[in-house]
Amino acid sequence: MKKILLVEDDKRVALALKTRLCSVGYKVSHALDGELAINMAVNSPPNVILMDINLPGMSGLDVAARLQENKQTCLSPIIFLTASKQRGLSDRAAELGAIAFLEKPINSAKLIEAVEMSYYSTPECFGKKPRHKGRKQVH
């Protein structure tokens, strides 16, 4: 079963996303903040991370940067989620290697498509080869 780490501080949004993803066969773990997300990802690296940008404590962008620095988590693809209309967020997410950037409210079909696409991406991690064999690079 494919494992997803959902990092979302809004419990209602998290429940809706988790319910949708579980209904199509994914195993979803949930973290309410960045520190917990980092600990969960290090202890059990997910196949993909769904990351809200506006989190308590540290932003999802900061969490992603820290995950990129960790050899256990740097190859986990990240899909960013946000309700923010702030300019430059998608560019910053792309710099961190995001495979998708979805604006809230999240369209279920686009979410599932992005998650499926993540299984064909090849994240880079300090020149190391991906641990996800058989993936295709998606641009």
Protein backbone atom coordinates (compact mmCIF):
# COMPACT_ATOMS: atom_id res chain seq x y z
CA MET A 1 0.00 0.00 0.00
CA LYS A 2 1.32 3.44 -0.92
CA LYS A 3 1.99 5.68 2.09
CA ILE A 4 1.14 9.37 2.13
CA LEU A 5 2.11 11.83 4.82
CA LEU A 6 -0.47 14.62 4.98
CA VAL A 7 0.79 17.78 6.71
CA GLU A 8 -2.23 20.00 7.36
CA ASP A 9 -3.14 22.03 10.45
CA ASP A 10 -6.83 22.43 9.59
CA LYS A 11 -8.44 19.27 10.96
CA ARG A 12 -11.53 19.56 8.73
CA VAL A 13 -9.43 19.87 5.57
CA ALA A 14 -7.18 17.04 6.74
CA LEU A 15 -10.16 14.76 7.39
CA ALA A 16 -11.65 15.48 3.96
CA LEU A 17 -8.35 14.84 2.17
CA LYS A 18 -7.57 11.73 4.20
CA THR A 19 -11.05 10.30 3.59
CA ARG A 20 -10.74 10.87 -0.15
CA LEU A 21 -7.25 9.37 -0.38
CA CYS A 22 -8.12 6.35 1.77
CA SER A 23 -11.19 5.71 -0.40
CA VAL A 24 -8.93 5.07 -3.39
CA GLY A 25 -6.51 2.82 -1.54
CA TYR A 26 -3.83 5.01 0.04
CA LYS A 27 -2.59 4.72 3.60
CA VAL A 28 -2.54 8.25 5.02
CA SER A 29 -0.71 9.48 8.11
CA HIS A 30 -1.45 12.98 9.37
CA ALA A 31 0.74 15.62 11.03
CA LEU A 32 -0.68 18.89 12.35
CA ASP A 33 2.60 20.82 12.28
CA GLY A 34 6.05 20.88 10.74
CA GLU A 35 8.03 19.40 13.63
CA LEU A 36 5.73 16.40 13.87
CA ALA A 37 5.86 16.00 10.07
CA ILE A 38 9.65 15.91 10.09
CA ASN A 39 9.71 13.31 12.88
CA MET A 40 7.10 11.16 11.16
CA ALA A 41 8.86 11.35 7.78
CA VAL A 42 12.24 10.44 9.25
CA ASN A 43 10.83 7.52 11.26
CA SER A 44 8.75 6.14 8.39
CA PRO A 45 9.58 7.76 5.03
CA PRO A 46 6.39 8.15 3.00
CA ASN A 47 6.00 7.54 -0.72
CA VAL A 48 4.69 11.10 -1.09
CA ILE A 49 4.14 14.12 1.16
CA LEU A 50 1.13 16.45 0.87
CA MET A 51 2.29 19.68 2.54
CA ASP A 52 0.23 22.71 3.50
CA ILE A 53 2.33 25.86 3.22
CA ASN A 54 0.82 27.80 6.13
CA LEU A 55 1.53 25.74 9.23
CA PRO A 56 1.96 26.69 12.89
CA GLY A 57 5.56 27.02 14.02
CA MET A 58 7.30 26.72 10.68
CA SER A 59 6.04 27.02 7.14
CA GLY A 60 5.58 24.04 4.87
CA LEU A 61 8.35 25.51 2.71
CA ASP A 62 10.73 25.42 5.71
CA VAL A 63 9.66 21.87 6.50
CA ALA A 64 10.34 20.85 2.89
CA ALA A 65 13.79 22.45 3.03
CA ARG A 66 14.63 20.47 6.16
CA LEU A 67 13.33 17.25 4.62
CA GLN A 68 15.51 17.88 1.57
CA GLU A 69 18.57 18.02 3.85
CA ASN A 70 17.85 14.64 5.42
CA LYS A 71 19.13 11.53 3.63
CA GLN A 72 16.11 9.52 4.83
CA THR A 73 13.51 11.94 3.49
CA CYS A 74 15.11 13.86 0.64
CA LEU A 75 13.72 11.55 -2.01
CA SER A 76 10.08 11.72 -0.89
CA PRO A 77 8.15 13.73 -3.50
CA ILE A 78 6.28 16.75 -2.12
CA ILE A 79 2.96 18.16 -3.29
CA PHE A 80 2.25 21.58 -1.82
CA LEU A 81 -1.25 22.71 -0.82
CA THR A 82 -2.22 26.29 -0.06
CA ALA A 83 -5.09 28.73 0.24
CA SER A 84 -2.65 31.64 0.01
CA LYS A 85 -2.60 33.86 -3.07
CA GLN A 86 0.85 35.23 -2.16
CA ARG A 87 3.02 35.78 -5.21
CA GLY A 88 6.06 33.61 -5.63
CA LEU A 89 4.90 30.66 -3.53
CA SER A 90 4.71 28.27 -6.46
CA ASP A 91 8.18 29.38 -7.61
CA ARG A 92 9.62 28.77 -4.13
CA ALA A 93 7.89 25.37 -4.02
CA ALA A 94 9.41 24.50 -7.40
CA GLU A 95 12.86 25.49 -6.12
CA LEU A 96 12.36 22.96 -3.33
CA GLY A 97 11.57 20.25 -5.87
CA ALA A 98 7.78 20.19 -5.55
CA ILE A 99 6.14 17.93 -8.06
CA ALA A 100 2.83 19.80 -7.81
CA PHE A 101 1.31 22.94 -6.30
CA LEU A 102 -2.42 22.78 -5.60
CA GLU A 103 -4.58 25.70 -4.47
CA LYS A 104 -7.37 25.24 -1.95
CA PRO A 105 -10.12 24.33 -2.14
CA ILE A 106 -8.53 21.15 -3.45
CA ASN A 107 -10.16 19.50 -6.44
CA SER A 108 -10.28 15.75 -5.67
CA ALA A 109 -9.51 14.70 -9.23
CA LYS A 110 -6.47 16.99 -9.39
CA LEU A 111 -5.30 15.73 -6.01
CA ILE A 112 -5.47 12.08 -7.07
CA GLU A 113 -3.79 12.94 -10.39
CA ALA A 114 -0.94 14.72 -8.58
CA VAL A 115 -0.48 11.83 -6.14
CA GLU A 116 -0.42 9.32 -9.01
CA MET A 117 2.06 11.53 -10.89
CA SER A 118 4.33 11.52 -7.82
CA TYR A 119 4.97 7.82 -8.34
CA TYR A 120 6.60 8.62 -11.68
CA SER A 121 8.71 11.53 -10.49
CA THR A 122 12.38 11.31 -9.70
CA PRO A 123 13.30 13.66 -6.88
CA GLU A 124 16.95 14.58 -6.59
CA CYS A 125 18.84 14.60 -3.35
CA PHE A 126 22.37 15.92 -3.31
CA GLY A 127 23.27 13.93 -6.41
CA LYS A 128 22.05 10.64 -4.95
CA LYS A 129 20.06 8.21 -7.04
CA PRO A 130 16.37 7.93 -6.18
CA ARG A 131 15.23 5.03 -4.02
CA HIS A 132 12.02 4.87 -6.09
CA LYS A 133 12.94 2.56 -8.96
CA GLY A 134 10.96 2.56 -12.16
CA ARG A 135 9.85 6.19 -11.99
CA LYS A 136 9.84 8.43 -15.00
CA GLN A 137 10.87 12.05 -14.84
CA VAL A 138 7.81 14.27 -15.23
CA HIS A 139 8.27 17.91 -16.21
